[in-house]
Amino acid sequence: MHPAVSTLFMLLFVLLCLLGILANGFIVLVLSREWRRRGGLLPSDMILLCLGASRFCLQWVGMVHNLYFFIHLAEYSRVSTRQLFRLLWYFVNSATFWFGTWLSVLFCLKIATFTHPTFLWLKWRFPGSVPWLLLGSLLISFLVTLLVLGGNHIVYQGFLIGKFSGNLTYDTWRSRLQARYFLPLNFVTLSIPCSVFLFSMVLLIDSLRRHRRTMRHNAHSPQDPSTQAHTRALKSLVSFLVLYALSFLSQMIDTAGFFSLENDWYWVSQNVFYLCTSVHPFILILSNPRLRGVFRQLLLLARGFWVA
């Protein structure tokens, strides 16, 4: 890839991260103010607050990590700062996937119209369990970080002090470690929330699709407000599903070590991975009445300031 094209994708990555930081920071500020004003939050707002906070941190860690080691490429694999970034990134990334999963489950239980007893029981119990689920997600993310720390300490340090025999270079050993330890670890720990996410989203999309088809059979016009609302909901959910899947797949490819900083396609892969955490917050803002109202006020204020 031409250096100018790589530079363009790097600048696009920075812009994408900055947009994600602003959008997620906006969600955190609005909901934090609401929490302080009311003394509590609805279960959906709790999840949105945690998801926005984790994505905000993930964007910062990812942007600083990539830019720092792009500038200091020669020391990329041999400085302790890289290990710190890696641990922070694994913790926040795992928490982000879990929070996104709970958001999809909440949407499914809140909107879907199934009458199965298990579904109705979950619909009744889930809202009260949200605080414990969020705490449990942080605990799971902490345990994943400990496993990453153990892998770094035992294998990386073991190689550096010469415990491993053979004519292996550091880069070769690191690639093997990525494929044999970190890739399975990442796949197993993220497959669980991703499977729950996929199952709940498929149920919800199927429920909305059947409900929309029923409305059409009952002679509802495509321009009917209720029909339009269900159409917008379907588009929003499908976009969330696509972005979430892209994040998972790009992370598996990245963990496998296909794209190092020296690779021409590295910045392209980073753009794909951070697409969900940067674009989806805007979808959440536009689909949430409270967030949309505050966002519209800010736009009007900015427009008035610009015109003045």
C-alpha atoms as a PDB file:
ATOM      1  CA  MET A   1       0.000   0.000   0.000  1.00  0.00           C
ATOM      2  CA  HIS A   2       1.256   3.482  -0.855  1.00  0.00           C
ATOM      3  CA  PRO A   3       2.497   5.447   2.200  1.00  0.00           C
ATOM      4  CA  ALA A   4       0.058   8.256   1.416  1.00  0.00           C
ATOM      5  CA  VAL A   5      -2.874   5.829   1.548  1.00  0.00           C
ATOM      6  CA  SER A   6      -1.650   4.399   4.865  1.00  0.00           C
ATOM      7  CA  THR A   7      -1.371   7.931   6.235  1.00  0.00           C
ATOM      8  CA  LEU A   8      -4.917   8.644   5.069  1.00  0.00           C
ATOM      9  CA  PHE A   9      -6.262   5.597   6.917  1.00  0.00           C
ATOM     10  CA  MET A  10      -4.288   6.585  10.015  1.00  0.00           C
ATOM     11  CA  LEU A  11      -5.838  10.059   9.968  1.00  0.00           C
ATOM     12  CA  LEU A  12      -9.253   8.488   9.394  1.00  0.00           C
ATOM     13  CA  PHE A  13      -8.642   6.272  12.436  1.00  0.00           C
ATOM     14  CA  VAL A  14      -7.841   9.311  14.599  1.00  0.00           C
ATOM     15  CA  LEU A  15     -10.953  11.114  13.341  1.00  0.00           C
ATOM     16  CA  LEU A  16     -13.085   8.035  14.001  1.00  0.00           C
ATOM     17  CA  CYS A  17     -11.742   7.757  17.555  1.00  0.00           C
ATOM     18  CA  LEU A  18     -12.322  11.445  18.253  1.00  0.00           C
ATOM     19  CA  LEU A  19     -15.924  11.191  17.026  1.00  0.00           C
ATOM     20  CA  GLY A  20     -16.441   8.126  19.214  1.00  0.00           C
ATOM     21  CA  ILE A  21     -14.925   9.885  22.234  1.00  0.00           C
ATOM     22  CA  LEU A  22     -17.247  12.866  21.755  1.00  0.00           C
ATOM     23  CA  ALA A  23     -20.380  10.739  21.247  1.00  0.00           C
ATOM     24  CA  ASN A  24     -19.687   8.355  24.124  1.00  0.00           C
ATOM     25  CA  GLY A  25     -18.617  11.233  26.365  1.00  0.00           C
ATOM     26  CA  PHE A  26     -21.905  12.953  25.557  1.00  0.00           C
ATOM     27  CA  ILE A  27     -23.882   9.855  26.575  1.00  0.00           C
ATOM     28  CA  VAL A  28     -21.934   9.559  29.835  1.00  0.00           C
ATOM     29  CA  LEU A  29     -22.372  13.250  30.712  1.00  0.00           C
ATOM     30  CA  VAL A  30     -26.113  13.339  29.986  1.00  0.00           C
ATOM     31  CA  LEU A  31     -26.899  10.141  31.877  1.00  0.00           C
ATOM     32  CA  SER A  32     -24.585  11.043  34.773  1.00  0.00           C
ATOM     33  CA  ARG A  33     -26.406  14.340  35.138  1.00  0.00           C
ATOM     34  CA  GLU A  34     -29.708  12.472  35.033  1.00  0.00           C
ATOM     35  CA  TRP A  35     -28.460  10.050  37.697  1.00  0.00           C
ATOM     36  CA  ARG A  36     -27.389  12.878  39.983  1.00  0.00           C
ATOM     37  CA  ARG A  37     -30.641  14.780  39.435  1.00  0.00           C
ATOM     38  CA  ARG A  38     -32.982  11.825  40.043  1.00  0.00           C
ATOM     39  CA  GLY A  39     -30.845   9.767  42.387  1.00  0.00           C
ATOM     40  CA  GLY A  40     -31.129   6.702  40.146  1.00  0.00           C
ATOM     41  CA  LEU A  41     -31.422   5.430  36.589  1.00  0.00           C
ATOM     42  CA  LEU A  42     -33.655   3.096  34.651  1.00  0.00           C
ATOM     43  CA  PRO A  43     -32.075  -0.296  33.809  1.00  0.00           C
ATOM     44  CA  SER A  44     -31.689   0.713  30.160  1.00  0.00           C
ATOM     45  CA  ASP A  45     -29.952   3.950  31.135  1.00  0.00           C
ATOM     46  CA  MET A  46     -27.638   2.060  33.520  1.00  0.00           C
ATOM     47  CA  ILE A  47     -26.491  -0.146  30.663  1.00  0.00           C
ATOM     48  CA  LEU A  48     -26.157   2.831  28.317  1.00  0.00           C
ATOM     49  CA  LEU A  49     -24.086   4.691  30.900  1.00  0.00           C
ATOM     50  CA  CYS A  50     -21.726   1.738  31.433  1.00  0.00           C
ATOM     51  CA  LEU A  51     -21.505   1.037  27.704  1.00  0.00           C
ATOM     52  CA  GLY A  52     -20.743   4.685  26.937  1.00  0.00           C
ATOM     53  CA  ALA A  53     -18.090   4.842  29.677  1.00  0.00           C
ATOM     54  CA  SER A  54     -16.365   1.638  28.542  1.00  0.00           C
ATOM     55  CA  ARG A  55     -16.387   2.719  24.899  1.00  0.00           C
ATOM     56  CA  PHE A  56     -15.069   6.158  25.892  1.00  0.00           C
ATOM     57  CA  CYS A  57     -12.129   4.515  27.676  1.00  0.00           C
ATOM     58  CA  LEU A  58     -11.625   1.973  24.878  1.00  0.00           C
ATOM     59  CA  GLN A  59     -11.364   4.739  22.268  1.00  0.00           C
ATOM     60  CA  TRP A  60      -8.776   6.617  24.337  1.00  0.00           C
ATOM     61  CA  VAL A  61      -6.703   3.514  25.083  1.00  0.00           C
ATOM     62  CA  GLY A  62      -6.801   2.384  21.443  1.00  0.00           C
ATOM     63  CA  MET A  63      -5.912   5.788  19.998  1.00  0.00           C
ATOM     64  CA  VAL A  64      -3.090   6.548  22.450  1.00  0.00           C
ATOM     65  CA  HIS A  65      -1.726   3.000  22.142  1.00  0.00           C
ATOM     66  CA  ASN A  66      -1.631   3.017  18.341  1.00  0.00           C
ATOM     67  CA  LEU A  67      -0.206   6.511  17.982  1.00  0.00           C
ATOM     68  CA  TYR A  68       2.376   6.047  20.747  1.00  0.00           C
ATOM     69  CA  PHE A  69       3.784   2.844  19.326  1.00  0.00           C
ATOM     70  CA  PHE A  70       3.588   4.140  15.761  1.00  0.00           C
ATOM     71  CA  ILE A  71       5.941   6.916  16.836  1.00  0.00           C
ATOM     72  CA  HIS A  72       8.122   4.563  18.931  1.00  0.00           C
ATOM     73  CA  LEU A  73       7.956   1.563  16.612  1.00  0.00           C
ATOM     74  CA  ALA A  74      11.488   0.344  17.385  1.00  0.00           C
ATOM     75  CA  GLU A  75      10.618  -0.211  21.057  1.00  0.00           C
ATOM     76  CA  TYR A  76       7.128  -1.561  20.368  1.00  0.00           C
ATOM     77  CA  SER A  77       7.672  -5.135  21.583  1.00  0.00           C
ATOM     78  CA  ARG A  78      10.177  -4.499  24.331  1.00  0.00           C
ATOM     79  CA  VAL A  79       8.778  -1.840  26.624  1.00  0.00           C
ATOM     80  CA  SER A  80       6.690  -2.403  29.736  1.00  0.00           C
ATOM     81  CA  THR A  81       4.303   0.372  28.650  1.00  0.00           C
ATOM     82  CA  ARG A  82       3.008  -1.935  25.918  1.00  0.00           C
ATOM     83  CA  GLN A  83       2.055  -4.511  28.540  1.00  0.00           C
ATOM     84  CA  LEU A  84       0.149  -1.871  30.502  1.00  0.00           C
ATOM     85  CA  PHE A  85      -1.756  -0.781  27.402  1.00  0.00           C
ATOM     86  CA  ARG A  86      -2.497  -4.407  26.593  1.00  0.00           C
ATOM     87  CA  LEU A  87      -3.957  -5.105  30.040  1.00  0.00           C
ATOM     88  CA  LEU A  88      -6.078  -1.932  30.001  1.00  0.00           C
ATOM     89  CA  TRP A  89      -7.298  -2.700  26.501  1.00  0.00           C
ATOM     90  CA  TYR A  90      -8.306  -6.289  27.316  1.00  0.00           C
ATOM     91  CA  PHE A  91     -10.204  -5.201  30.425  1.00  0.00           C
ATOM     92  CA  VAL A  92     -12.124  -2.365  28.776  1.00  0.00           C
ATOM     93  CA  ASN A  93     -12.743  -4.309  25.561  1.00  0.00           C
ATOM     94  CA  SER A  94     -14.180  -7.317  27.411  1.00  0.00           C
ATOM     95  CA  ALA A  95     -16.425  -5.038  29.475  1.00  0.00           C
ATOM     96  CA  THR A  96     -17.590  -3.265  26.299  1.00  0.00           C
ATOM     97  CA  PHE A  97     -18.636  -6.526  24.654  1.00  0.00           C
ATOM     98  CA  TRP A  98     -20.542  -7.621  27.760  1.00  0.00           C
ATOM     99  CA  PHE A  99     -22.329  -4.259  28.165  1.00  0.00           C
ATOM    100  CA  GLY A 100     -23.339  -4.332  24.501  1.00  0.00           C
ATOM    101  CA  THR A 101     -24.696  -7.829  25.027  1.00  0.00           C
ATOM    102  CA  TRP A 102     -26.836  -6.781  28.008  1.00  0.00           C
ATOM    103  CA  LEU A 103     -28.190  -3.886  25.954  1.00  0.00           C
ATOM    104  CA  SER A 104     -29.313  -6.273  23.221  1.00  0.00           C
ATOM    105  CA  VAL A 105     -30.891  -8.610  25.806  1.00  0.00           C
ATOM    106  CA  LEU A 106     -32.764  -5.684  27.354  1.00  0.00           C
ATOM    107  CA  PHE A 107     -34.023  -4.557  23.939  1.00  0.00           C
ATOM    108  CA  CYS A 108     -35.185  -8.097  23.198  1.00  0.00           C
ATOM    109  CA  LEU A 109     -37.039  -8.523  26.503  1.00  0.00           C
ATOM    110  CA  LYS A 110     -38.540  -5.049  26.315  1.00  0.00           C
ATOM    111  CA  ILE A 111     -39.731  -5.038  22.697  1.00  0.00           C
ATOM    112  CA  ALA A 112     -40.229  -8.646  21.583  1.00  0.00           C
ATOM    113  CA  THR A 113     -43.722 -10.094  21.905  1.00  0.00           C
ATOM    114  CA  PHE A 114     -43.078 -13.758  22.722  1.00  0.00           C
ATOM    115  CA  THR A 115     -45.380 -15.534  25.192  1.00  0.00           C
ATOM    116  CA  HIS A 116     -43.156 -18.432  26.248  1.00  0.00           C
ATOM    117  CA  PRO A 117     -43.065 -18.788  30.097  1.00  0.00           C
ATOM    118  CA  THR A 118     -39.255 -18.612  30.192  1.00  0.00           C
ATOM    119  CA  PHE A 119     -39.272 -15.417  28.166  1.00  0.00           C
ATOM    120  CA  LEU A 120     -41.938 -13.871  30.388  1.00  0.00           C
ATOM    121  CA  TRP A 121     -39.990 -14.861  33.508  1.00  0.00           C
ATOM    122  CA  LEU A 122     -36.805 -13.247  32.127  1.00  0.00           C
ATOM    123  CA  LYS A 123     -38.796 -10.184  31.144  1.00  0.00           C
ATOM    124  CA  TRP A 124     -39.903  -9.833  34.767  1.00  0.00           C
ATOM    125  CA  ARG A 125     -36.575 -10.616  36.456  1.00  0.00           C
ATOM    126  CA  PHE A 126     -34.040  -9.007  34.135  1.00  0.00           C
ATOM    127  CA  PRO A 127     -34.522  -5.280  35.003  1.00  0.00           C
ATOM    128  CA  GLY A 128     -33.864  -5.896  38.696  1.00  0.00           C
ATOM    129  CA  SER A 129     -30.773  -7.942  37.875  1.00  0.00           C
ATOM    130  CA  VAL A 130     -29.110  -5.285  35.722  1.00  0.00           C
ATOM    131  CA  PRO A 131     -26.820  -3.817  38.465  1.00  0.00           C
ATOM    132  CA  TRP A 132     -25.562  -7.305  39.359  1.00  0.00           C
ATOM    133  CA  LEU A 133     -25.050  -8.203  35.704  1.00  0.00           C
ATOM    134  CA  LEU A 134     -22.992  -5.055  35.174  1.00  0.00           C
ATOM    135  CA  LEU A 135     -20.854  -5.817  38.224  1.00  0.00           C
ATOM    136  CA  GLY A 136     -20.487  -9.407  37.059  1.00  0.00           C
ATOM    137  CA  SER A 137     -19.312  -8.160  33.661  1.00  0.00           C
ATOM    138  CA  LEU A 138     -16.584  -6.103  35.324  1.00  0.00           C
ATOM    139  CA  LEU A 139     -15.539  -9.132  37.367  1.00  0.00           C
ATOM    140  CA  ILE A 140     -15.346 -11.348  34.273  1.00  0.00           C
ATOM    141  CA  SER A 141     -13.319  -8.663  32.480  1.00  0.00           C
ATOM    142  CA  PHE A 142     -10.947  -8.496  35.446  1.00  0.00           C
ATOM    143  CA  LEU A 143     -10.465 -12.280  35.356  1.00  0.00           C
ATOM    144  CA  VAL A 144      -9.743 -12.131  31.617  1.00  0.00           C
ATOM    145  CA  THR A 145      -7.151  -9.440  32.314  1.00  0.00           C
ATOM    146  CA  LEU A 146      -5.507 -11.687  34.912  1.00  0.00           C
ATOM    147  CA  LEU A 147      -5.261 -14.483  32.330  1.00  0.00           C
ATOM    148  CA  VAL A 148      -3.638 -12.061  29.892  1.00  0.00           C
ATOM    149  CA  LEU A 149      -1.266 -10.891  32.624  1.00  0.00           C
ATOM    150  CA  GLY A 150      -0.335 -14.485  33.376  1.00  0.00           C
ATOM    151  CA  GLY A 151       0.356 -15.206  29.718  1.00  0.00           C
ATOM    152  CA  ASN A 152       2.514 -12.103  29.406  1.00  0.00           C
ATOM    153  CA  HIS A 153       4.497 -12.855  32.546  1.00  0.00           C
ATOM    154  CA  ILE A 154       5.083 -16.590  32.087  1.00  0.00           C
ATOM    155  CA  VAL A 155       5.718 -16.785  28.374  1.00  0.00           C
ATOM    156  CA  TYR A 156       7.073 -13.372  27.371  1.00  0.00           C
ATOM    157  CA  GLN A 157       9.386 -13.085  30.367  1.00  0.00           C
ATOM    158  CA  GLY A 158      10.398 -16.707  30.014  1.00  0.00           C
ATOM    159  CA  PHE A 159      11.502 -16.080  26.454  1.00  0.00           C
ATOM    160  CA  LEU A 160      13.375 -12.898  27.353  1.00  0.00           C
ATOM    161  CA  ILE A 161      15.479 -14.608  30.022  1.00  0.00           C
ATOM    162  CA  GLY A 162      16.304 -17.465  27.670  1.00  0.00           C
ATOM    163  CA  LYS A 163      14.266 -20.356  29.049  1.00  0.00           C
ATOM    164  CA  PHE A 164      13.104 -21.358  25.582  1.00  0.00           C
ATOM    165  CA  SER A 165      15.505 -23.255  23.396  1.00  0.00           C
ATOM    166  CA  GLY A 166      15.856 -23.234  19.652  1.00  0.00           C
ATOM    167  CA  ASN A 167      16.626 -20.642  17.006  1.00  0.00           C
ATOM    168  CA  LEU A 168      13.416 -18.671  17.447  1.00  0.00           C
ATOM    169  CA  THR A 169      13.451 -14.921  17.017  1.00  0.00           C
ATOM    170  CA  TYR A 170      11.378 -12.763  19.329  1.00  0.00           C
ATOM    171  CA  ASP A 171       8.893 -11.902  16.562  1.00  0.00           C
ATOM    172  CA  THR A 172       8.473 -15.569  15.629  1.00  0.00           C
ATOM    173  CA  TRP A 173       7.827 -16.574  19.203  1.00  0.00           C
ATOM    174  CA  ARG A 174       5.404 -13.680  19.679  1.00  0.00           C
ATOM    175  CA  SER A 175       3.457 -14.793  16.601  1.00  0.00           C
ATOM    176  CA  ARG A 176       3.214 -18.337  17.955  1.00  0.00           C
ATOM    177  CA  LEU A 177       2.091 -17.017  21.316  1.00  0.00           C
ATOM    178  CA  GLN A 178      -0.608 -14.950  19.644  1.00  0.00           C
ATOM    179  CA  ALA A 179      -1.919 -17.963  17.742  1.00  0.00           C
ATOM    180  CA  ARG A 180      -1.675 -20.551  20.547  1.00  0.00           C
ATOM    181  CA  TYR A 181      -2.620 -18.563  23.638  1.00  0.00           C
ATOM    182  CA  PHE A 182      -4.115 -15.118  23.096  1.00  0.00           C
ATOM    183  CA  LEU A 183      -6.280 -16.028  20.092  1.00  0.00           C
ATOM    184  CA  PRO A 184      -7.995 -18.995  21.860  1.00  0.00           C
ATOM    185  CA  LEU A 185      -8.307 -16.915  25.040  1.00  0.00           C
ATOM    186  CA  ASN A 186      -9.896 -14.032  23.170  1.00  0.00           C
ATOM    187  CA  PHE A 187     -12.150 -16.311  21.143  1.00  0.00           C
ATOM    188  CA  VAL A 188     -13.470 -18.221  24.160  1.00  0.00           C
ATOM    189  CA  THR A 189     -13.997 -15.183  26.414  1.00  0.00           C
ATOM    190  CA  LEU A 190     -15.720 -13.128  23.719  1.00  0.00           C
ATOM    191  CA  SER A 191     -17.711 -15.925  22.093  1.00  0.00           C
ATOM    192  CA  ILE A 192     -19.950 -16.199  25.173  1.00  0.00           C
ATOM    193  CA  PRO A 193     -21.252 -12.594  25.150  1.00  0.00           C
ATOM    194  CA  CYS A 194     -21.309 -12.592  21.354  1.00  0.00           C
ATOM    195  CA  SER A 195     -23.462 -15.741  21.273  1.00  0.00           C
ATOM    196  CA  VAL A 196     -25.920 -14.240  23.768  1.00  0.00           C
ATOM    197  CA  PHE A 197     -25.933 -11.009  21.771  1.00  0.00           C
ATOM    198  CA  LEU A 198     -26.567 -12.805  18.476  1.00  0.00           C
ATOM    199  CA  PHE A 199     -29.346 -14.956  19.928  1.00  0.00           C
ATOM    200  CA  SER A 200     -31.200 -12.015  21.494  1.00  0.00           C
ATOM    201  CA  MET A 201     -30.829  -9.838  18.382  1.00  0.00           C
ATOM    202  CA  VAL A 202     -32.089 -12.581  16.068  1.00  0.00           C
ATOM    203  CA  LEU A 203     -35.122 -13.105  18.325  1.00  0.00           C
ATOM    204  CA  LEU A 204     -35.823  -9.389  18.446  1.00  0.00           C
ATOM    205  CA  ILE A 205     -35.417  -8.823  14.727  1.00  0.00           C
ATOM    206  CA  ASP A 206     -37.668 -11.799  13.974  1.00  0.00           C
ATOM    207  CA  SER A 207     -40.293 -10.498  16.416  1.00  0.00           C
ATOM    208  CA  LEU A 208     -40.258  -7.028  14.870  1.00  0.00           C
ATOM    209  CA  ARG A 209     -40.360  -8.456  11.366  1.00  0.00           C
ATOM    210  CA  ARG A 210     -43.409 -10.612  12.166  1.00  0.00           C
ATOM    211  CA  HIS A 211     -45.136  -7.722  13.905  1.00  0.00           C
ATOM    212  CA  ARG A 212     -44.486  -5.452  10.926  1.00  0.00           C
ATOM    213  CA  ARG A 213     -45.866  -8.074   8.544  1.00  0.00           C
ATOM    214  CA  THR A 214     -49.002  -8.433  10.714  1.00  0.00           C
ATOM    215  CA  MET A 215     -49.550  -4.687  10.594  1.00  0.00           C
ATOM    216  CA  ARG A 216     -49.320  -4.738   6.815  1.00  0.00           C
ATOM    217  CA  HIS A 217     -51.874  -7.578   6.610  1.00  0.00           C
ATOM    218  CA  ASN A 218     -54.189  -5.488   8.788  1.00  0.00           C
ATOM    219  CA  ALA A 219     -54.135  -2.795   6.093  1.00  0.00           C
ATOM    220  CA  HIS A 220     -51.736  -0.453   7.882  1.00  0.00           C
ATOM    221  CA  SER A 221     -50.148   1.960   5.434  1.00  0.00           C
ATOM    222  CA  PRO A 222     -46.334   1.970   5.064  1.00  0.00           C
ATOM    223  CA  GLN A 223     -46.597   5.648   6.015  1.00  0.00           C
ATOM    224  CA  ASP A 224     -48.394   4.795   9.251  1.00  0.00           C
ATOM    225  CA  PRO A 225     -46.402   6.158  12.251  1.00  0.00           C
ATOM    226  CA  SER A 226     -46.401   2.774  13.979  1.00  0.00           C
ATOM    227  CA  THR A 227     -45.152   1.021  10.837  1.00  0.00           C
ATOM    228  CA  GLN A 228     -42.454   3.624  10.352  1.00  0.00           C
ATOM    229  CA  ALA A 229     -41.380   3.242  13.987  1.00  0.00           C
ATOM    230  CA  HIS A 230     -40.969  -0.522  13.564  1.00  0.00           C
ATOM    231  CA  THR A 231     -39.065   0.004  10.304  1.00  0.00           C
ATOM    232  CA  ARG A 232     -36.664   2.416  12.022  1.00  0.00           C
ATOM    233  CA  ALA A 233     -36.226  -0.033  14.886  1.00  0.00           C
ATOM    234  CA  LEU A 234     -35.385  -2.851  12.455  1.00  0.00           C
ATOM    235  CA  LYS A 235     -32.805  -0.705  10.656  1.00  0.00           C
ATOM    236  CA  SER A 236     -31.239   0.323  13.963  1.00  0.00           C
ATOM    237  CA  LEU A 237     -31.024  -3.267  15.216  1.00  0.00           C
ATOM    238  CA  VAL A 238     -29.598  -4.599  11.943  1.00  0.00           C
ATOM    239  CA  SER A 239     -26.945  -1.879  11.946  1.00  0.00           C
ATOM    240  CA  PHE A 240     -26.055  -2.715  15.569  1.00  0.00           C
ATOM    241  CA  LEU A 241     -25.770  -6.404  14.647  1.00  0.00           C
ATOM    242  CA  VAL A 242     -23.513  -5.697  11.659  1.00  0.00           C
ATOM    243  CA  LEU A 243     -21.241  -3.329  13.604  1.00  0.00           C
ATOM    244  CA  TYR A 244     -20.978  -5.732  16.545  1.00  0.00           C
ATOM    245  CA  ALA A 245     -20.110  -8.641  14.240  1.00  0.00           C
ATOM    246  CA  LEU A 246     -17.470  -6.545  12.446  1.00  0.00           C
ATOM    247  CA  SER A 247     -15.864  -5.692  15.792  1.00  0.00           C
ATOM    248  CA  PHE A 248     -15.721  -9.351  16.796  1.00  0.00           C
ATOM    249  CA  LEU A 249     -14.318 -10.586  13.484  1.00  0.00           C
ATOM    250  CA  SER A 250     -11.744  -7.806  13.171  1.00  0.00           C
ATOM    251  CA  GLN A 251     -10.585  -8.440  16.724  1.00  0.00           C
ATOM    252  CA  MET A 252     -10.091 -12.151  16.040  1.00  0.00           C
ATOM    253  CA  ILE A 253      -8.048 -11.299  12.948  1.00  0.00           C
ATOM    254  CA  ASP A 254      -6.031  -8.723  14.876  1.00  0.00           C
ATOM    255  CA  THR A 255      -5.367 -11.112  17.780  1.00  0.00           C
ATOM    256  CA  ALA A 256      -4.169 -13.760  15.332  1.00  0.00           C
ATOM    257  CA  GLY A 257      -1.355 -11.354  14.444  1.00  0.00           C
ATOM    258  CA  PHE A 258      -2.177 -10.865  10.768  1.00  0.00           C
ATOM    259  CA  PHE A 259      -1.832  -7.091  11.010  1.00  0.00           C
ATOM    260  CA  SER A 260       1.165  -5.731  12.904  1.00  0.00           C
ATOM    261  CA  LEU A 261       2.110  -2.070  12.879  1.00  0.00           C
ATOM    262  CA  GLU A 262       4.523  -2.814  10.045  1.00  0.00           C
ATOM    263  CA  ASN A 263       1.692  -4.243   7.906  1.00  0.00           C
ATOM    264  CA  ASP A 264       0.217  -1.994   5.208  1.00  0.00           C
ATOM    265  CA  TRP A 265      -3.334  -2.988   6.173  1.00  0.00           C
ATOM    266  CA  TYR A 266      -2.926  -2.331   9.899  1.00  0.00           C
ATOM    267  CA  TRP A 267      -4.710   1.036   9.932  1.00  0.00           C
ATOM    268  CA  VAL A 268      -7.524  -0.353   7.772  1.00  0.00           C
ATOM    269  CA  SER A 269      -8.116  -3.113  10.325  1.00  0.00           C
ATOM    270  CA  GLN A 270      -8.123  -0.583  13.169  1.00  0.00           C
ATOM    271  CA  ASN A 271     -10.753   1.501  11.393  1.00  0.00           C
ATOM    272  CA  VAL A 272     -12.969  -1.551  10.982  1.00  0.00           C
ATOM    273  CA  PHE A 273     -12.585  -2.564  14.630  1.00  0.00           C
ATOM    274  CA  TYR A 274     -13.384   0.869  16.080  1.00  0.00           C
ATOM    275  CA  LEU A 275     -16.253   1.476  13.654  1.00  0.00           C
ATOM    276  CA  CYS A 276     -18.821   0.066  16.097  1.00  0.00           C
ATOM    277  CA  THR A 277     -17.642   2.040  19.134  1.00  0.00           C
ATOM    278  CA  SER A 278     -17.587   5.249  17.070  1.00  0.00           C
ATOM    279  CA  VAL A 279     -20.719   4.956  14.914  1.00  0.00           C
ATOM    280  CA  HIS A 280     -23.149   3.069  17.154  1.00  0.00           C
ATOM    281  CA  PRO A 281     -23.193   5.782  19.888  1.00  0.00           C
ATOM    282  CA  PHE A 282     -24.734   8.172  17.363  1.00  0.00           C
ATOM    283  CA  ILE A 283     -27.426   5.577  16.587  1.00  0.00           C
ATOM    284  CA  LEU A 284     -28.136   5.284  20.326  1.00  0.00           C
ATOM    285  CA  ILE A 285     -28.314   9.061  20.693  1.00  0.00           C
ATOM    286  CA  LEU A 286     -30.780   9.430  17.822  1.00  0.00           C
ATOM    287  CA  SER A 287     -32.958   6.528  19.030  1.00  0.00           C
ATOM    288  CA  ASN A 288     -33.149   7.660  22.684  1.00  0.00           C
ATOM    289  CA  PRO A 289     -35.654  10.527  23.242  1.00  0.00           C
ATOM    290  CA  ARG A 290     -33.736  12.045  26.160  1.00  0.00           C
ATOM    291  CA  LEU A 291     -30.348  11.899  24.478  1.00  0.00           C
ATOM    292  CA  ARG A 292     -31.794  13.058  21.167  1.00  0.00           C
ATOM    293  CA  GLY A 293     -33.430  16.070  22.823  1.00  0.00           C
ATOM    294  CA  VAL A 294     -30.226  17.217  24.536  1.00  0.00           C
ATOM    295  CA  PHE A 295     -28.223  16.593  21.378  1.00  0.00           C
ATOM    296  CA  ARG A 296     -30.664  18.682  19.347  1.00  0.00           C
ATOM    297  CA  GLN A 297     -30.387  21.512  21.880  1.00  0.00           C
ATOM    298  CA  LEU A 298     -26.605  21.432  21.580  1.00  0.00           C
ATOM    299  CA  LEU A 299     -26.822  21.561  17.795  1.00  0.00           C
ATOM    300  CA  LEU A 300     -29.166  24.549  17.945  1.00  0.00           C
ATOM    301  CA  LEU A 301     -26.881  26.246  20.445  1.00  0.00           C
ATOM    302  CA  ALA A 302     -23.847  25.613  18.256  1.00  0.00           C
ATOM    303  CA  ARG A 303     -25.715  26.826  15.192  1.00  0.00           C
ATOM    304  CA  GLY A 304     -26.759  30.009  16.961  1.00  0.00           C
ATOM    305  CA  PHE A 305     -23.209  30.612  18.164  1.00  0.00           C
ATOM    306  CA  TRP A 306     -21.841  30.029  14.657  1.00  0.00           C
ATOM    307  CA  VAL A 307     -24.367  32.363  13.023  1.00  0.00           C
ATOM    308  CA  ALA A 308     -23.714  35.032  15.646  1.00  0.00           C
END
